[in-house]
Amino acid sequence: MTRNTLLIALTLIAWNLLFFIAGWWQPLWWLGLGVGFALFIWLADEAGKTAPLRYQRTYEVGLAVAFPVLLLLAWELIARNEILNPRWFPPPTRIAAALWDLTIHYDTFNKTSMFGRPWLFPQTLAAEGWPAAWSLFTESHVLTTLWRVFAGFIIGVIPGIFVGMIMGMNRTVRTMLDGVMSAIYVLPKIAIFPIMMLVFANPFGEGPKIAVVAISAFFLVAINTMAGVRDIDPVYIQAGRNYGANRLQLFRHVILPGALPVIFAGLRLALGTALIVIVAIEFVRARKGVGFVTFYYWEVLVTEKMYAGLFVVMALGVLLTFSLQWLERRIMPWR
């Protein structure tokens, strides 16, 4: 630790002690937090500059964890001191307790649970058989939401990549479809949901929900795939032709690898959008799912459980993004 880093750290500690000892926290909380976070950023910046290269990854992980923890701590202090109304902005400790309650308890009214009670699976399977054991998972809000996201994502992504590839390689097809896709793409995806309810035989089933997710993913992936194919440097294509590559070889060894980075950028956007869309749909037309839980507890004004549902949505977003990044590293090891 350098002299500057130590000095900034001591200043940060002294600033917070001064606020608590002098009793300034409640009347001047905004000043305390503002200066405190500014000092923390300055401290982190100095530590990053002086950290040895072998510890850079550890530093980045620590910073990525420490800053959200500090935000939660600030929220806890503000809510506990009733600077924010704890009825509408409950402290994180109450939200954590509510999430634990949603995890371990079964809602007898809705016949659902947050994660499906997997700890009961072995004894239920032995006592009542496979159908009863499987019902433990089907009651899960999280698994229901994930199923809708994955089903819609896969159904939308496969034709999206195919159409985007054709549009990128064929000017005629691109000219035909570009205007239509641009017009439909800007429609709010939640506005398509009533149309899907008219199309499917069971308007209250899973079909309309999955179809809207698929449509949302399709346009994002198709547009990004088209852009990825069009942005490939013509020199690479010409080099492949000069080495005698036919169309299939050119597609496999030049066009597809060259477009993959932009395709995966589209996949990340599509996956995040799929989660946003399905949560919005679960707000208005579902009896199961994380969106339903969040909206249900908003209606009955149990705000800590509403925030717990929002936390689960954020955790799912992080999990899905990291999973797609892991897949990207496996498919594109050269990056």
Protein backbone atom coordinates (compact mmCIF):
# COMPACT_ATOMS: atom_id res chain seq x y z
CA MET A 1 0.00 0.00 0.00
CA THR A 2 1.45 3.34 -1.06
CA ARG A 3 1.46 6.49 1.03
CA ASN A 4 -1.32 8.09 -1.05
CA THR A 5 -3.53 5.02 -0.77
CA LEU A 6 -3.06 4.88 3.01
CA LEU A 7 -3.80 8.59 3.34
CA ILE A 8 -7.02 8.33 1.33
CA ALA A 9 -8.13 5.27 3.34
CA LEU A 10 -7.54 7.09 6.64
CA THR A 11 -9.44 10.14 5.30
CA LEU A 12 -12.41 7.94 4.37
CA ILE A 13 -12.48 6.33 7.83
CA ALA A 14 -12.13 9.68 9.57
CA TRP A 15 -14.92 11.24 7.48
CA ASN A 16 -17.40 8.50 8.42
CA LEU A 17 -16.40 8.55 12.09
CA LEU A 18 -16.87 12.32 12.17
CA PHE A 19 -20.40 12.04 10.79
CA PHE A 20 -21.45 9.37 13.29
CA ILE A 21 -19.79 10.94 16.34
CA ALA A 22 -21.05 14.46 15.56
CA GLY A 23 -24.58 13.22 14.82
CA TRP A 24 -24.59 14.65 11.31
CA TRP A 25 -25.68 11.44 9.65
CA GLN A 26 -29.41 12.06 9.60
CA PRO A 27 -29.58 15.78 8.68
CA LEU A 28 -26.64 15.67 6.22
CA TRP A 29 -26.79 12.10 4.95
CA TRP A 30 -26.56 13.20 1.31
CA LEU A 31 -23.27 15.02 2.00
CA GLY A 32 -21.88 12.09 3.97
CA LEU A 33 -22.71 9.57 1.28
CA GLY A 34 -21.57 11.79 -1.59
CA VAL A 35 -18.16 12.56 -0.14
CA GLY A 36 -17.79 9.01 1.17
CA PHE A 37 -18.38 7.43 -2.23
CA ALA A 38 -16.10 9.98 -3.91
CA LEU A 39 -13.31 9.06 -1.46
CA PHE A 40 -13.97 5.36 -2.05
CA ILE A 41 -13.68 5.78 -5.83
CA TRP A 42 -10.46 7.76 -5.37
CA LEU A 43 -9.12 5.03 -3.07
CA ALA A 44 -10.05 2.26 -5.53
CA ASP A 45 -8.46 4.16 -8.41
CA GLU A 46 -5.18 4.63 -6.52
CA ALA A 47 -5.16 0.98 -5.42
CA GLY A 48 -5.72 -0.16 -9.02
CA LYS A 49 -2.81 1.90 -10.29
CA THR A 50 -0.37 0.49 -7.73
CA ALA A 51 -1.57 -3.14 -7.55
CA PRO A 52 0.95 -5.64 -8.97
CA LEU A 53 -0.02 -7.21 -12.28
CA ARG A 54 -0.49 -10.67 -10.75
CA TYR A 55 -3.11 -9.25 -8.36
CA GLN A 56 -5.07 -7.25 -10.95
CA ARG A 57 -7.74 -9.92 -11.36
CA THR A 58 -8.17 -10.19 -7.58
CA TYR A 59 -8.44 -6.40 -7.38
CA GLU A 60 -11.13 -6.28 -10.09
CA VAL A 61 -13.19 -9.05 -8.46
CA GLY A 62 -12.87 -7.39 -5.05
CA LEU A 63 -13.94 -4.01 -6.43
CA ALA A 64 -16.89 -5.57 -8.28
CA VAL A 65 -18.07 -7.13 -5.01
CA ALA A 66 -17.21 -4.28 -2.63
CA PHE A 67 -19.11 -1.53 -4.42
CA PRO A 68 -22.54 -3.28 -4.42
CA VAL A 69 -21.97 -4.20 -0.77
CA LEU A 70 -21.35 -0.54 0.05
CA LEU A 71 -24.50 0.47 -1.84
CA LEU A 72 -26.53 -2.04 0.17
CA LEU A 73 -24.93 -0.82 3.41
CA ALA A 74 -25.82 2.78 2.53
CA TRP A 75 -29.39 1.72 1.73
CA GLU A 76 -29.58 -0.13 5.07
CA LEU A 77 -28.42 2.92 7.03
CA ILE A 78 -30.73 5.33 5.20
CA ALA A 79 -33.77 3.08 5.66
CA ARG A 80 -32.97 2.27 9.31
CA ASN A 81 -32.76 5.97 10.10
CA GLU A 82 -36.07 6.51 8.25
CA ILE A 83 -34.53 8.96 5.81
CA LEU A 84 -36.23 6.77 3.23
CA ASN A 85 -39.64 5.47 4.23
CA PRO A 86 -38.95 1.85 5.30
CA ARG A 87 -42.54 0.96 4.37
CA TRP A 88 -41.81 1.61 0.69
CA PHE A 89 -38.03 1.13 0.74
CA PRO A 90 -37.39 -1.63 3.29
CA PRO A 91 -33.76 -2.16 4.34
CA PRO A 92 -31.84 -4.97 2.59
CA THR A 93 -31.85 -7.12 5.74
CA ARG A 94 -35.67 -7.22 5.68
CA ILE A 95 -35.60 -8.00 1.94
CA ALA A 96 -33.16 -10.86 2.59
CA ALA A 97 -35.44 -12.23 5.32
CA ALA A 98 -38.40 -12.00 2.93
CA LEU A 99 -36.47 -13.84 0.22
CA TRP A 100 -35.61 -16.58 2.71
CA ASP A 101 -39.27 -16.82 3.69
CA LEU A 102 -40.29 -17.13 0.01
CA THR A 103 -37.63 -19.80 -0.46
CA ILE A 104 -38.56 -22.13 2.38
CA HIS A 105 -42.34 -21.71 2.51
CA TYR A 106 -45.00 -23.09 0.20
CA ASP A 107 -47.85 -20.77 -0.77
CA THR A 108 -50.95 -22.86 -0.14
CA PHE A 109 -53.24 -20.26 -1.76
CA ASN A 110 -51.41 -20.14 -5.13
CA LYS A 111 -49.91 -23.65 -4.73
CA THR A 112 -46.47 -22.36 -5.66
CA SER A 113 -43.02 -21.73 -4.16
CA MET A 114 -40.11 -19.59 -5.27
CA PHE A 115 -37.57 -22.31 -6.09
CA GLY A 116 -39.67 -25.48 -6.01
CA ARG A 117 -38.57 -27.08 -2.71
CA PRO A 118 -35.88 -29.34 -4.25
CA TRP A 119 -34.86 -30.54 -0.78
CA LEU A 120 -38.09 -32.58 -0.62
CA PHE A 121 -37.44 -34.35 -3.92
CA PRO A 122 -35.73 -37.58 -2.62
CA GLN A 123 -38.32 -38.39 0.05
CA THR A 124 -41.26 -37.43 -2.21
CA LEU A 125 -39.90 -39.62 -5.00
CA ALA A 126 -39.54 -42.58 -2.63
CA ALA A 127 -42.94 -42.13 -0.99
CA GLU A 128 -45.23 -40.93 -3.81
CA GLY A 129 -43.41 -41.61 -7.07
CA TRP A 130 -42.15 -39.54 -9.97
CA PRO A 131 -45.31 -37.46 -10.73
CA ALA A 132 -45.47 -36.09 -7.18
CA ALA A 133 -41.71 -35.44 -7.14
CA TRP A 134 -41.83 -33.63 -10.49
CA SER A 135 -44.65 -31.40 -9.21
CA LEU A 136 -42.16 -29.93 -6.71
CA PHE A 137 -40.33 -28.39 -9.67
CA THR A 138 -43.41 -27.36 -11.64
CA GLU A 139 -44.59 -25.28 -8.67
CA SER A 140 -41.41 -23.14 -8.88
CA HIS A 141 -41.75 -19.51 -9.96
CA VAL A 142 -38.08 -19.31 -10.97
CA LEU A 143 -38.12 -22.48 -13.08
CA THR A 144 -41.35 -21.40 -14.77
CA THR A 145 -39.82 -18.06 -15.76
CA LEU A 146 -36.60 -19.73 -16.93
CA TRP A 147 -38.56 -22.23 -19.01
CA ARG A 148 -40.46 -19.45 -20.76
CA VAL A 149 -37.24 -17.50 -21.38
CA PHE A 150 -35.30 -20.48 -22.75
CA ALA A 151 -38.14 -21.78 -24.91
CA GLY A 152 -38.85 -18.39 -26.47
CA PHE A 153 -35.15 -17.59 -26.80
CA ILE A 154 -34.31 -20.80 -28.68
CA ILE A 155 -37.39 -20.57 -30.92
CA GLY A 156 -36.53 -16.97 -31.82
CA VAL A 157 -32.74 -17.24 -32.08
CA ILE A 158 -32.46 -20.11 -34.58
CA PRO A 159 -34.54 -18.47 -37.37
CA GLY A 160 -33.07 -15.08 -36.39
CA ILE A 161 -29.52 -16.22 -37.15
CA PHE A 162 -30.66 -17.92 -40.36
CA VAL A 163 -32.57 -14.86 -41.66
CA GLY A 164 -29.79 -12.49 -40.58
CA MET A 165 -27.19 -14.54 -42.44
CA ILE A 166 -29.25 -14.49 -45.64
CA MET A 167 -29.88 -10.76 -45.32
CA GLY A 168 -26.20 -10.10 -44.76
CA MET A 169 -25.07 -12.15 -47.76
CA ASN A 170 -27.86 -11.33 -50.23
CA ARG A 171 -28.59 -7.72 -51.12
CA THR A 172 -31.98 -8.53 -52.70
CA VAL A 173 -33.29 -10.26 -49.57
CA ARG A 174 -31.89 -7.46 -47.42
CA THR A 175 -33.69 -4.82 -49.49
CA MET A 176 -36.95 -6.77 -49.30
CA LEU A 177 -36.92 -7.37 -45.54
CA ASP A 178 -35.07 -4.39 -44.10
CA GLY A 179 -38.03 -1.98 -44.13
CA VAL A 180 -40.52 -4.54 -42.81
CA MET A 181 -38.20 -5.64 -39.99
CA SER A 182 -37.44 -2.04 -39.04
CA ALA A 183 -41.16 -1.29 -38.81
CA ILE A 184 -42.04 -4.35 -36.70
CA TYR A 185 -38.93 -4.12 -34.51
CA VAL A 186 -39.95 -0.78 -32.97
CA LEU A 187 -43.31 -2.12 -31.77
CA PRO A 188 -43.37 -2.56 -27.97
CA LYS A 189 -43.19 -6.32 -27.53
CA ILE A 190 -45.73 -6.30 -24.71
CA ALA A 191 -48.19 -4.77 -27.23
CA ILE A 192 -47.89 -7.92 -29.37
CA PHE A 193 -49.10 -10.09 -26.50
CA PRO A 194 -52.86 -9.48 -27.07
CA ILE A 195 -52.40 -10.45 -30.73
CA MET A 196 -50.68 -13.69 -29.69
CA MET A 197 -53.58 -14.41 -27.33
CA LEU A 198 -55.90 -14.24 -30.35
CA VAL A 199 -53.67 -16.49 -32.44
CA PHE A 200 -53.32 -19.39 -30.00
CA ALA A 201 -56.16 -21.75 -29.16
CA ASN A 202 -55.49 -21.34 -25.43
CA PRO A 203 -55.00 -17.60 -24.90
CA PHE A 204 -54.13 -18.11 -21.23
CA GLY A 205 -51.60 -20.91 -21.77
CA GLU A 206 -47.86 -20.85 -22.31
CA GLY A 207 -48.01 -20.42 -26.10
CA PRO A 208 -48.68 -16.65 -26.28
CA LYS A 209 -46.05 -15.90 -23.61
CA ILE A 210 -43.34 -17.94 -25.33
CA ALA A 211 -44.29 -16.54 -28.74
CA VAL A 212 -43.78 -12.93 -27.61
CA VAL A 213 -40.38 -13.82 -26.15
CA ALA A 214 -39.44 -15.57 -29.41
CA ILE A 215 -40.47 -12.54 -31.49
CA SER A 216 -38.43 -10.23 -29.24
CA ALA A 217 -35.33 -12.42 -29.57
CA PHE A 218 -35.77 -12.96 -33.32
CA PHE A 219 -35.48 -9.31 -34.37
CA LEU A 220 -32.50 -8.51 -32.16
CA VAL A 221 -30.55 -11.56 -33.34
CA ALA A 222 -31.49 -11.13 -37.01
CA ILE A 223 -30.46 -7.47 -37.10
CA ASN A 224 -27.17 -8.11 -35.29
CA THR A 225 -26.38 -11.14 -37.45
CA MET A 226 -27.00 -9.13 -40.62
CA ALA A 227 -24.72 -6.36 -39.31
CA GLY A 228 -22.03 -8.89 -38.39
CA VAL A 229 -22.01 -10.45 -41.86
CA ARG A 230 -21.99 -7.09 -43.64
CA ASP A 231 -19.13 -5.76 -41.49
CA ILE A 232 -16.72 -8.57 -42.44
CA ASP A 233 -13.71 -7.09 -44.24
CA PRO A 234 -14.02 -7.99 -47.98
CA VAL A 235 -10.29 -8.77 -47.96
CA TYR A 236 -10.95 -11.95 -45.95
CA ILE A 237 -13.64 -13.12 -48.36
CA GLN A 238 -11.41 -12.40 -51.35
CA ALA A 239 -8.53 -14.27 -49.70
CA GLY A 240 -10.78 -17.30 -49.16
CA ARG A 241 -11.82 -17.28 -52.80
CA ASN A 242 -8.21 -16.97 -53.92
CA TYR A 243 -7.38 -20.12 -51.95
CA GLY A 244 -10.15 -21.97 -53.78
CA ALA A 245 -12.84 -22.07 -51.08
CA ASN A 246 -16.30 -22.91 -52.33
CA ARG A 247 -19.43 -21.22 -50.92
CA LEU A 248 -19.88 -23.69 -48.09
CA GLN A 249 -16.22 -23.47 -47.06
CA LEU A 250 -16.31 -19.70 -47.34
CA PHE A 251 -19.35 -19.59 -45.08
CA ARG A 252 -17.90 -22.02 -42.55
CA HIS A 253 -14.34 -20.68 -42.31
CA VAL A 254 -14.72 -16.96 -43.08
CA ILE A 255 -18.26 -15.56 -42.81
CA LEU A 256 -19.50 -17.39 -39.72
CA PRO A 257 -16.35 -16.90 -37.57
CA GLY A 258 -16.15 -13.27 -38.67
CA ALA A 259 -19.75 -12.57 -37.73
CA LEU A 260 -19.78 -14.53 -34.46
CA PRO A 261 -18.68 -11.63 -32.17
CA VAL A 262 -21.57 -9.45 -33.38
CA ILE A 263 -23.96 -12.43 -33.29
CA PHE A 264 -23.10 -13.05 -29.64
CA ALA A 265 -23.61 -9.36 -28.89
CA GLY A 266 -27.10 -9.79 -30.36
CA LEU A 267 -27.64 -12.96 -28.32
CA ARG A 268 -26.79 -11.11 -25.11
CA LEU A 269 -29.22 -8.33 -25.98
CA ALA A 270 -31.89 -10.87 -26.94
CA LEU A 271 -31.47 -12.86 -23.73
CA GLY A 272 -31.78 -9.76 -21.55
CA THR A 273 -34.77 -8.57 -23.55
CA ALA A 274 -36.39 -12.02 -23.26
CA LEU A 275 -36.18 -11.82 -19.47
CA ILE A 276 -37.56 -8.26 -19.43
CA VAL A 277 -40.46 -9.19 -21.72
CA ILE A 278 -41.47 -12.34 -19.84
CA VAL A 279 -41.43 -10.55 -16.47
CA ALA A 280 -43.64 -7.81 -17.94
CA ILE A 281 -46.05 -10.42 -19.31
CA GLU A 282 -46.11 -12.23 -15.96
CA PHE A 283 -47.15 -8.94 -14.37
CA VAL A 284 -50.38 -8.85 -16.37
CA ARG A 285 -51.25 -12.43 -17.39
CA ALA A 286 -49.79 -15.25 -15.31
CA ARG A 287 -50.46 -17.21 -12.14
CA LYS A 288 -46.89 -18.38 -11.81
CA GLY A 289 -43.47 -16.84 -12.43
CA VAL A 290 -41.13 -14.32 -10.81
CA GLY A 291 -42.97 -11.42 -12.44
CA PHE A 292 -46.26 -12.67 -10.99
CA VAL A 293 -44.71 -12.90 -7.49
CA THR A 294 -43.34 -9.37 -7.71
CA PHE A 295 -46.63 -7.86 -8.89
CA TYR A 296 -48.71 -9.94 -6.46
CA TYR A 297 -46.83 -8.66 -3.41
CA TRP A 298 -47.03 -5.12 -4.76
CA GLU A 299 -50.83 -5.49 -4.89
CA VAL A 300 -51.01 -6.68 -1.29
CA LEU A 301 -48.38 -4.10 -0.21
CA VAL A 302 -45.85 -6.58 1.19
CA THR A 303 -43.01 -4.48 -0.17
CA GLU A 304 -40.08 -6.52 1.17
CA LYS A 305 -41.32 -9.57 -0.77
CA MET A 306 -41.87 -7.39 -3.84
CA TYR A 307 -38.22 -6.29 -3.62
CA ALA A 308 -37.21 -9.92 -3.08
CA GLY A 309 -38.87 -10.76 -6.40
CA LEU A 310 -36.99 -7.92 -8.09
CA PHE A 311 -33.75 -9.22 -6.59
CA VAL A 312 -34.44 -12.67 -8.06
CA VAL A 313 -35.01 -11.08 -11.49
CA MET A 314 -31.65 -9.30 -11.23
CA ALA A 315 -29.93 -12.50 -10.11
CA LEU A 316 -31.43 -14.37 -13.07
CA GLY A 317 -30.16 -11.65 -15.41
CA VAL A 318 -26.62 -11.98 -14.05
CA LEU A 319 -26.76 -15.79 -14.19
CA LEU A 320 -28.02 -15.85 -17.79
CA THR A 321 -25.44 -13.27 -18.92
CA PHE A 322 -22.53 -15.13 -17.33
CA SER A 323 -23.77 -18.42 -18.82
CA LEU A 324 -23.85 -16.89 -22.30
CA GLN A 325 -20.38 -15.39 -21.80
CA TRP A 326 -19.10 -18.83 -20.79
CA LEU A 327 -20.60 -20.31 -23.97
CA GLU A 328 -19.06 -17.50 -26.02
CA ARG A 329 -15.59 -18.28 -24.66
CA ARG A 330 -16.03 -21.95 -25.57
CA ILE A 331 -17.26 -21.27 -29.10
CA MET A 332 -14.76 -18.47 -29.81
CA PRO A 333 -11.56 -19.48 -27.97
CA TRP A 334 -9.49 -17.21 -30.24
CA ARG A 335 -11.06 -14.19 -28.49
